[in-house]
Amino acid sequence: EDAGDYADVPGFCKAAKIDDIRKHGHVLTPGRYVGAEAAEDDGEPFEEKMKRLAATLREQQKEAVKLDAAIAANLKELGYAG
């Protein structure tokens, strides 16, 4: 089956040239070559986005505490209390 034509994808893959690899001292860390994908502007102002994301994180952290307690209780019930 034909896999199609290869294309570099920023943030994912790149066919590095040997000269580029030499310039980096033969270090093959992908980030040196792959780069980052282009960021898209979603139109949401930064301050609003950070407030929203911070609130979401706080809620997720509260839920994580509840889930951790439930897991610990289940393990204790099964005889694996630590």
PDB file of N, CA and C in Angstrom:
ATOM      1  N   GLU A   1       0.850  -1.175   0.000  1.00  0.00           N
ATOM      2  CA  GLU A   1       0.000   0.000   0.000  1.00  0.00           C
ATOM      3  C   GLU A   1       0.892   1.234   0.000  1.00  0.00           C
ATOM      4  N   ASP A   2       0.584   2.197  -0.836  1.00  0.00           N
ATOM      5  CA  ASP A   2       1.351   3.433  -0.947  1.00  0.00           C
ATOM      6  C   ASP A   2       1.068   4.329   0.249  1.00  0.00           C
ATOM      7  N   ALA A   3       2.132   4.772   0.911  1.00  0.00           N
ATOM      8  CA  ALA A   3       1.986   5.644   2.080  1.00  0.00           C
ATOM      9  C   ALA A   3       1.866   7.105   1.679  1.00  0.00           C
ATOM     10  N   GLY A   4       1.991   7.415   0.413  1.00  0.00           N
ATOM     11  CA  GLY A   4       1.885   8.798  -0.044  1.00  0.00           C
ATOM     12  C   GLY A   4       3.228   9.504   0.015  1.00  0.00           C
ATOM     13  N   ASP A   5       3.219  10.772  -0.325  1.00  0.00           N
ATOM     14  CA  ASP A   5       4.441  11.568  -0.335  1.00  0.00           C
ATOM     15  C   ASP A   5       4.751  12.081   1.064  1.00  0.00           C
ATOM     16  N   TYR A   6       6.047  12.146   1.382  1.00  0.00           N
ATOM     17  CA  TYR A   6       6.472  12.666   2.679  1.00  0.00           C
ATOM     18  C   TYR A   6       6.435  14.185   2.659  1.00  0.00           C
ATOM     19  N   ALA A   7       6.068  14.767   3.787  1.00  0.00           N
ATOM     20  CA  ALA A   7       6.128  16.217   3.951  1.00  0.00           C
ATOM     21  C   ALA A   7       6.483  16.522   5.399  1.00  0.00           C
ATOM     22  N   ASP A   8       7.389  17.490   5.609  1.00  0.00           N
ATOM     23  CA  ASP A   8       7.697  17.939   6.963  1.00  0.00           C
ATOM     24  C   ASP A   8       6.431  18.527   7.576  1.00  0.00           C
ATOM     25  N   VAL A   9       6.235  18.290   8.868  1.00  0.00           N
ATOM     26  CA  VAL A   9       5.084  18.839   9.590  1.00  0.00           C
ATOM     27  C   VAL A   9       5.630  19.542  10.828  1.00  0.00           C
ATOM     28  N   PRO A  10       5.593  20.899  10.846  1.00  0.00           N
ATOM     29  CA  PRO A  10       6.117  21.625  12.006  1.00  0.00           C
ATOM     30  C   PRO A  10       5.513  21.111  13.307  1.00  0.00           C
ATOM     31  N   GLY A  11       6.397  20.876  14.289  1.00  0.00           N
ATOM     32  CA  GLY A  11       5.953  20.372  15.578  1.00  0.00           C
ATOM     33  C   GLY A  11       5.785  18.872  15.626  1.00  0.00           C
ATOM     34  N   PHE A  12       5.957  18.193  14.487  1.00  0.00           N
ATOM     35  CA  PHE A  12       5.741  16.748  14.456  1.00  0.00           C
ATOM     36  C   PHE A  12       6.905  15.989  13.819  1.00  0.00           C
ATOM     37  N   CYS A  13       7.286  16.358  12.589  1.00  0.00           N
ATOM     38  CA  CYS A  13       8.356  15.622  11.921  1.00  0.00           C
ATOM     39  C   CYS A  13       9.081  16.506  10.915  1.00  0.00           C
ATOM     40  N   LYS A  14      10.346  16.155  10.659  1.00  0.00           N
ATOM     41  CA  LYS A  14      11.146  16.872   9.665  1.00  0.00           C
ATOM     42  C   LYS A  14      12.270  15.960   9.200  1.00  0.00           C
ATOM     43  N   ALA A  15      12.536  15.971   7.919  1.00  0.00           N
ATOM     44  CA  ALA A  15      13.677  15.249   7.370  1.00  0.00           C
ATOM     45  C   ALA A  15      14.876  16.196   7.457  1.00  0.00           C
ATOM     46  N   ALA A  16      15.730  15.983   8.460  1.00  0.00           N
ATOM     47  CA  ALA A  16      16.877  16.861   8.683  1.00  0.00           C
ATOM     48  C   ALA A  16      18.004  16.520   7.716  1.00  0.00           C
ATOM     49  N   LYS A  17      18.661  17.539   7.226  1.00  0.00           N
ATOM     50  CA  LYS A  17      19.828  17.367   6.354  1.00  0.00           C
ATOM     51  C   LYS A  17      21.043  17.075   7.226  1.00  0.00           C
ATOM     52  N   ILE A  18      21.992  16.332   6.702  1.00  0.00           N
ATOM     53  CA  ILE A  18      23.192  15.967   7.455  1.00  0.00           C
ATOM     54  C   ILE A  18      23.963  17.209   7.899  1.00  0.00           C
ATOM     55  N   ASP A  19      23.957  18.270   7.091  1.00  0.00           N
ATOM     56  CA  ASP A  19      24.649  19.503   7.481  1.00  0.00           C
ATOM     57  C   ASP A  19      24.006  20.120   8.723  1.00  0.00           C
ATOM     58  N   ASP A  20      22.684  20.076   8.806  1.00  0.00           N
ATOM     59  CA  ASP A  20      21.992  20.590   9.994  1.00  0.00           C
ATOM     60  C   ASP A  20      22.357  19.763  11.223  1.00  0.00           C
ATOM     61  N   ILE A  21      22.442  18.455  11.045  1.00  0.00           N
ATOM     62  CA  ILE A  21      22.791  17.565  12.156  1.00  0.00           C
ATOM     63  C   ILE A  21      24.221  17.853  12.617  1.00  0.00           C
ATOM     64  N   ARG A  22      25.127  18.087  11.681  1.00  0.00           N
ATOM     65  CA  ARG A  22      26.509  18.443  12.026  1.00  0.00           C
ATOM     66  C   ARG A  22      26.551  19.745  12.820  1.00  0.00           C
ATOM     67  N   LYS A  23      25.774  20.747  12.367  1.00  0.00           N
ATOM     68  CA  LYS A  23      25.747  22.053  13.043  1.00  0.00           C
ATOM     69  C   LYS A  23      25.310  21.920  14.497  1.00  0.00           C
ATOM     70  N   HIS A  24      24.495  20.924  14.785  1.00  0.00           N
ATOM     71  CA  HIS A  24      24.008  20.701  16.151  1.00  0.00           C
ATOM     72  C   HIS A  24      24.862  19.680  16.898  1.00  0.00           C
ATOM     73  N   GLY A  25      26.069  19.430  16.396  1.00  0.00           N
ATOM     74  CA  GLY A  25      26.983  18.520  17.079  1.00  0.00           C
ATOM     75  C   GLY A  25      26.499  17.085  17.097  1.00  0.00           C
ATOM     76  N   HIS A  26      25.754  16.694  16.067  1.00  0.00           N
ATOM     77  CA  HIS A  26      25.214  15.341  15.919  1.00  0.00           C
ATOM     78  C   HIS A  26      24.222  14.970  17.017  1.00  0.00           C
ATOM     79  N   VAL A  27      23.671  15.983  17.682  1.00  0.00           N
ATOM     80  CA  VAL A  27      22.628  15.753  18.686  1.00  0.00           C
ATOM     81  C   VAL A  27      21.317  15.549  17.936  1.00  0.00           C
ATOM     82  N   LEU A  28      20.618  14.467  18.239  1.00  0.00           N
ATOM     83  CA  LEU A  28      19.413  14.116  17.488  1.00  0.00           C
ATOM     84  C   LEU A  28      18.118  14.414  18.243  1.00  0.00           C
ATOM     85  N   THR A  29      18.169  15.335  19.193  1.00  0.00           N
ATOM     86  CA  THR A  29      16.961  15.725  19.912  1.00  0.00           C
ATOM     87  C   THR A  29      15.972  16.312  18.908  1.00  0.00           C
ATOM     88  N   PRO A  30      14.778  15.733  18.796  1.00  0.00           N
ATOM     89  CA  PRO A  30      13.831  16.166  17.767  1.00  0.00           C
ATOM     90  C   PRO A  30      13.530  17.663  17.763  1.00  0.00           C
ATOM     91  N   GLY A  31      13.441  18.263  18.943  1.00  0.00           N
ATOM     92  CA  GLY A  31      13.098  19.682  19.020  1.00  0.00           C
ATOM     93  C   GLY A  31      14.070  20.594  18.303  1.00  0.00           C
ATOM     94  N   ARG A  32      15.291  20.139  18.116  1.00  0.00           N
ATOM     95  CA  ARG A  32      16.276  20.959  17.398  1.00  0.00           C
ATOM     96  C   ARG A  32      15.937  21.083  15.918  1.00  0.00           C
ATOM     97  N   TYR A  33      15.189  20.164  15.415  1.00  0.00           N
ATOM     98  CA  TYR A  33      14.919  20.125  13.983  1.00  0.00           C
ATOM     99  C   TYR A  33      13.444  20.316  13.644  1.00  0.00           C
ATOM    100  N   VAL A  34      12.593  19.738  14.454  1.00  0.00           N
ATOM    101  CA  VAL A  34      11.159  19.725  14.152  1.00  0.00           C
ATOM    102  C   VAL A  34      10.532  21.097  14.329  1.00  0.00           C
ATOM    103  N   GLY A  35      10.954  21.825  15.354  1.00  0.00           N
ATOM    104  CA  GLY A  35      10.375  23.133  15.625  1.00  0.00           C
ATOM    105  C   GLY A  35       9.008  22.998  16.271  1.00  0.00           C
ATOM    106  N   ALA A  36       8.239  24.064  16.215  1.00  0.00           N
ATOM    107  CA  ALA A  36       6.905  24.073  16.818  1.00  0.00           C
ATOM    108  C   ALA A  36       5.875  24.391  15.752  1.00  0.00           C
ATOM    109  N   GLU A  37       4.698  23.822  15.933  1.00  0.00           N
ATOM    110  CA  GLU A  37       3.651  24.129  14.970  1.00  0.00           C
ATOM    111  C   GLU A  37       3.186  25.567  15.171  1.00  0.00           C
ATOM    112  N   ALA A  38       2.676  26.145  14.131  1.00  0.00           N
ATOM    113  CA  ALA A  38       2.200  27.524  14.197  1.00  0.00           C
ATOM    114  C   ALA A  38       1.004  27.614  15.138  1.00  0.00           C
ATOM    115  N   ALA A  39       1.065  28.590  16.029  1.00  0.00           N
ATOM    116  CA  ALA A  39      -0.035  28.788  16.975  1.00  0.00           C
ATOM    117  C   ALA A  39      -1.164  29.546  16.286  1.00  0.00           C
ATOM    118  N   GLU A  40      -2.377  29.103  16.554  1.00  0.00           N
ATOM    119  CA  GLU A  40      -3.531  29.775  15.974  1.00  0.00           C
ATOM    120  C   GLU A  40      -4.134  30.712  17.001  1.00  0.00           C
ATOM    121  N   ASP A  41      -4.529  31.894  16.569  1.00  0.00           N
ATOM    122  CA  ASP A  41      -5.188  32.856  17.446  1.00  0.00           C
ATOM    123  C   ASP A  41      -6.666  32.512  17.486  1.00  0.00           C
ATOM    124  N   ASP A  42      -7.148  32.162  18.677  1.00  0.00           N
ATOM    125  CA  ASP A  42      -8.557  31.792  18.802  1.00  0.00           C
ATOM    126  C   ASP A  42      -9.452  32.999  19.059  1.00  0.00           C
ATOM    127  N   GLY A  43      -8.854  34.176  19.151  1.00  0.00           N
ATOM    128  CA  GLY A  43      -9.638  35.390  19.326  1.00  0.00           C
ATOM    129  C   GLY A  43      -9.993  35.697  20.772  1.00  0.00           C
ATOM    130  N   GLU A  44      -9.725  34.761  21.692  1.00  0.00           N
ATOM    131  CA  GLU A  44     -10.042  34.992  23.103  1.00  0.00           C
ATOM    132  C   GLU A  44      -8.898  35.778  23.737  1.00  0.00           C
ATOM    133  N   PRO A  45      -9.199  36.922  24.358  1.00  0.00           N
ATOM    134  CA  PRO A  45      -8.140  37.708  24.999  1.00  0.00           C
ATOM    135  C   PRO A  45      -7.402  36.882  26.059  1.00  0.00           C
ATOM    136  N   PHE A  46      -6.101  37.100  26.156  1.00  0.00           N
ATOM    137  CA  PHE A  46      -5.248  36.316  27.042  1.00  0.00           C
ATOM    138  C   PHE A  46      -5.747  36.325  28.482  1.00  0.00           C
ATOM    139  N   GLU A  47      -6.064  37.492  29.017  1.00  0.00           N
ATOM    140  CA  GLU A  47      -6.505  37.588  30.415  1.00  0.00           C
ATOM    141  C   GLU A  47      -7.759  36.758  30.663  1.00  0.00           C
ATOM    142  N   GLU A  48      -8.710  36.827  29.739  1.00  0.00           N
ATOM    143  CA  GLU A  48      -9.943  36.046  29.885  1.00  0.00           C
ATOM    144  C   GLU A  48      -9.647  34.548  29.814  1.00  0.00           C
ATOM    145  N   LYS A  49      -8.782  34.180  28.876  1.00  0.00           N
ATOM    146  CA  LYS A  49      -8.440  32.768  28.711  1.00  0.00           C
ATOM    147  C   LYS A  49      -7.767  32.230  29.972  1.00  0.00           C
ATOM    148  N   MET A  50      -6.818  33.007  30.530  1.00  0.00           N
ATOM    149  CA  MET A  50      -6.116  32.554  31.731  1.00  0.00           C
ATOM    150  C   MET A  50      -7.068  32.419  32.913  1.00  0.00           C
ATOM    151  N   LYS A  51      -8.002  33.343  33.072  1.00  0.00           N
ATOM    152  CA  LYS A  51      -8.985  33.243  34.160  1.00  0.00           C
ATOM    153  C   LYS A  51      -9.829  31.986  33.990  1.00  0.00           C
ATOM    154  N   ARG A  52     -10.276  31.752  32.772  1.00  0.00           N
ATOM    155  CA  ARG A  52     -11.106  30.582  32.482  1.00  0.00           C
ATOM    156  C   ARG A  52     -10.332  29.288  32.724  1.00  0.00           C
ATOM    157  N   LEU A  53      -9.110  29.242  32.219  1.00  0.00           N
ATOM    158  CA  LEU A  53      -8.302  28.033  32.373  1.00  0.00           C
ATOM    159  C   LEU A  53      -7.916  27.792  33.830  1.00  0.00           C
ATOM    160  N   ALA A  54      -7.616  28.864  34.569  1.00  0.00           N
ATOM    161  CA  ALA A  54      -7.277  28.718  35.989  1.00  0.00           C
ATOM    162  C   ALA A  54      -8.477  28.195  36.768  1.00  0.00           C
ATOM    163  N   ALA A  55      -9.677  28.679  36.441  1.00  0.00           N
ATOM    164  CA  ALA A  55     -10.891  28.198  37.112  1.00  0.00           C
ATOM    165  C   ALA A  55     -11.122  26.721  36.791  1.00  0.00           C
ATOM    166  N   THR A  56     -10.917  26.349  35.544  1.00  0.00           N
ATOM    167  CA  THR A  56     -11.063  24.944  35.143  1.00  0.00           C
ATOM    168  C   THR A  56     -10.059  24.075  35.891  1.00  0.00           C
ATOM    169  N   LEU A  57      -8.825  24.548  36.001  1.00  0.00           N
ATOM    170  CA  LEU A  57      -7.793  23.799  36.715  1.00  0.00           C
ATOM    171  C   LEU A  57      -8.177  23.609  38.179  1.00  0.00           C
ATOM    172  N   ARG A  58      -8.670  24.661  38.828  1.00  0.00           N
ATOM    173  CA  ARG A  58      -9.079  24.537  40.234  1.00  0.00           C
ATOM    174  C   ARG A  58     -10.171  23.488  40.395  1.00  0.00           C
ATOM    175  N   GLU A  59     -11.137  23.479  39.499  1.00  0.00           N
ATOM    176  CA  GLU A  59     -12.212  22.479  39.555  1.00  0.00           C
ATOM    177  C   GLU A  59     -11.662  21.073  39.349  1.00  0.00           C
ATOM    178  N   GLN A  60     -10.748  20.933  38.408  1.00  0.00           N
ATOM    179  CA  GLN A  60     -10.151  19.619  38.150  1.00  0.00           C
ATOM    180  C   GLN A  60      -9.312  19.152  39.334  1.00  0.00           C
ATOM    181  N   GLN A  61      -8.642  20.074  40.009  1.00  0.00           N
ATOM    182  CA  GLN A  61      -7.854  19.705  41.180  1.00  0.00           C
ATOM    183  C   GLN A  61      -8.761  19.240  42.318  1.00  0.00           C
ATOM    184  N   LYS A  62      -9.901  19.909  42.501  1.00  0.00           N
ATOM    185  CA  LYS A  62     -10.870  19.483  43.521  1.00  0.00           C
ATOM    186  C   LYS A  62     -11.379  18.076  43.209  1.00  0.00           C
ATOM    187  N   GLU A  63     -11.696  17.839  41.955  1.00  0.00           N
ATOM    188  CA  GLU A  63     -12.176  16.521  41.533  1.00  0.00           C
ATOM    189  C   GLU A  63     -11.090  15.469  41.731  1.00  0.00           C
ATOM    190  N   ALA A  64      -9.839  15.833  41.468  1.00  0.00           N
ATOM    191  CA  ALA A  64      -8.727  14.896  41.642  1.00  0.00           C
ATOM    192  C   ALA A  64      -8.601  14.465  43.100  1.00  0.00           C
ATOM    193  N   VAL A  65      -8.792  15.394  44.030  1.00  0.00           N
ATOM    194  CA  VAL A  65      -8.720  15.057  45.457  1.00  0.00           C
ATOM    195  C   VAL A  65      -9.798  14.033  45.800  1.00  0.00           C
ATOM    196  N   LYS A  66     -11.014  14.254  45.289  1.00  0.00           N
ATOM    197  CA  LYS A  66     -12.118  13.315  45.541  1.00  0.00           C
ATOM    198  C   LYS A  66     -11.806  11.934  44.954  1.00  0.00           C
ATOM    199  N   LEU A  67     -11.297  11.925  43.739  1.00  0.00           N
ATOM    200  CA  LEU A  67     -10.987  10.653  43.082  1.00  0.00           C
ATOM    201  C   LEU A  67      -9.845   9.921  43.788  1.00  0.00           C
ATOM    202  N   ASP A  68      -8.832  10.668  44.232  1.00  0.00           N
ATOM    203  CA  ASP A  68      -7.732  10.044  44.978  1.00  0.00           C
ATOM    204  C   ASP A  68      -8.253   9.385  46.249  1.00  0.00           C
ATOM    205  N   ALA A  69      -9.157  10.067  46.949  1.00  0.00           N
ATOM    206  CA  ALA A  69      -9.726   9.509  48.178  1.00  0.00           C
ATOM    207  C   ALA A  69     -10.531   8.248  47.873  1.00  0.00           C
ATOM    208  N   ALA A  70     -11.294   8.265  46.790  1.00  0.00           N
ATOM    209  CA  ALA A  70     -12.091   7.096  46.412  1.00  0.00           C
ATOM    210  C   ALA A  70     -11.188   5.914  46.054  1.00  0.00           C
ATOM    211  N   ILE A  71     -10.119   6.184  45.351  1.00  0.00           N
ATOM    212  CA  ILE A  71      -9.175   5.120  44.984  1.00  0.00           C
ATOM    213  C   ILE A  71      -8.527   4.542  46.237  1.00  0.00           C
ATOM    214  N   ALA A  72      -8.099   5.422  47.153  1.00  0.00           N
ATOM    215  CA  ALA A  72      -7.478   4.958  48.397  1.00  0.00           C
ATOM    216  C   ALA A  72      -8.452   4.105  49.198  1.00  0.00           C
ATOM    217  N   ALA A  73      -9.718   4.514  49.260  1.00  0.00           N
ATOM    218  CA  ALA A  73     -10.732   3.742  49.991  1.00  0.00           C
ATOM    219  C   ALA A  73     -10.938   2.378  49.348  1.00  0.00           C
ATOM    220  N   ASN A  74     -10.978   2.340  48.032  1.00  0.00           N
ATOM    221  CA  ASN A  74     -11.144   1.065  47.321  1.00  0.00           C
ATOM    222  C   ASN A  74      -9.956   0.137  47.562  1.00  0.00           C
ATOM    223  N   LEU A  75      -8.757   0.689  47.526  1.00  0.00           N
ATOM    224  CA  LEU A  75      -7.568  -0.126  47.786  1.00  0.00           C
ATOM    225  C   LEU A  75      -7.572  -0.651  49.218  1.00  0.00           C
ATOM    226  N   LYS A  76      -7.989   0.193  50.162  1.00  0.00           N
ATOM    227  CA  LYS A  76      -8.062  -0.233  51.562  1.00  0.00           C
ATOM    228  C   LYS A  76      -9.060  -1.376  51.716  1.00  0.00           C
ATOM    229  N   GLU A  77     -10.210  -1.233  51.056  1.00  0.00           N
ATOM    230  CA  GLU A  77     -11.249  -2.270  51.114  1.00  0.00           C
ATOM    231  C   GLU A  77     -10.736  -3.597  50.555  1.00  0.00           C
ATOM    232  N   LEU A  78      -9.848  -3.503  49.580  1.00  0.00           N
ATOM    233  CA  LEU A  78      -9.284  -4.711  48.972  1.00  0.00           C
ATOM    234  C   LEU A  78      -8.074  -5.247  49.736  1.00  0.00           C
ATOM    235  N   GLY A  79      -7.700  -4.541  50.804  1.00  0.00           N
ATOM    236  CA  GLY A  79      -6.577  -5.000  51.612  1.00  0.00           C
ATOM    237  C   GLY A  79      -5.225  -4.488  51.166  1.00  0.00           C
ATOM    238  N   TYR A  80      -5.229  -3.426  50.380  1.00  0.00           N
ATOM    239  CA  TYR A  80      -3.970  -2.870  49.887  1.00  0.00           C
ATOM    240  C   TYR A  80      -3.729  -1.458  50.409  1.00  0.00           C
ATOM    241  N   ALA A  81      -4.112  -1.202  51.646  1.00  0.00           N
ATOM    242  CA  ALA A  81      -3.899   0.126  52.225  1.00  0.00           C
ATOM    243  C   ALA A  81      -2.406   0.363  52.394  1.00  0.00           C
ATOM    244  N   GLY A  82      -1.985   1.571  52.122  1.00  0.00           N
ATOM    245  CA  GLY A  82      -0.567   1.848  52.216  1.00  0.00           C
ATOM    246  C   GLY A  82      -0.290   2.899  53.129  1.00  0.00           C
TER     247      GLY A  82
END
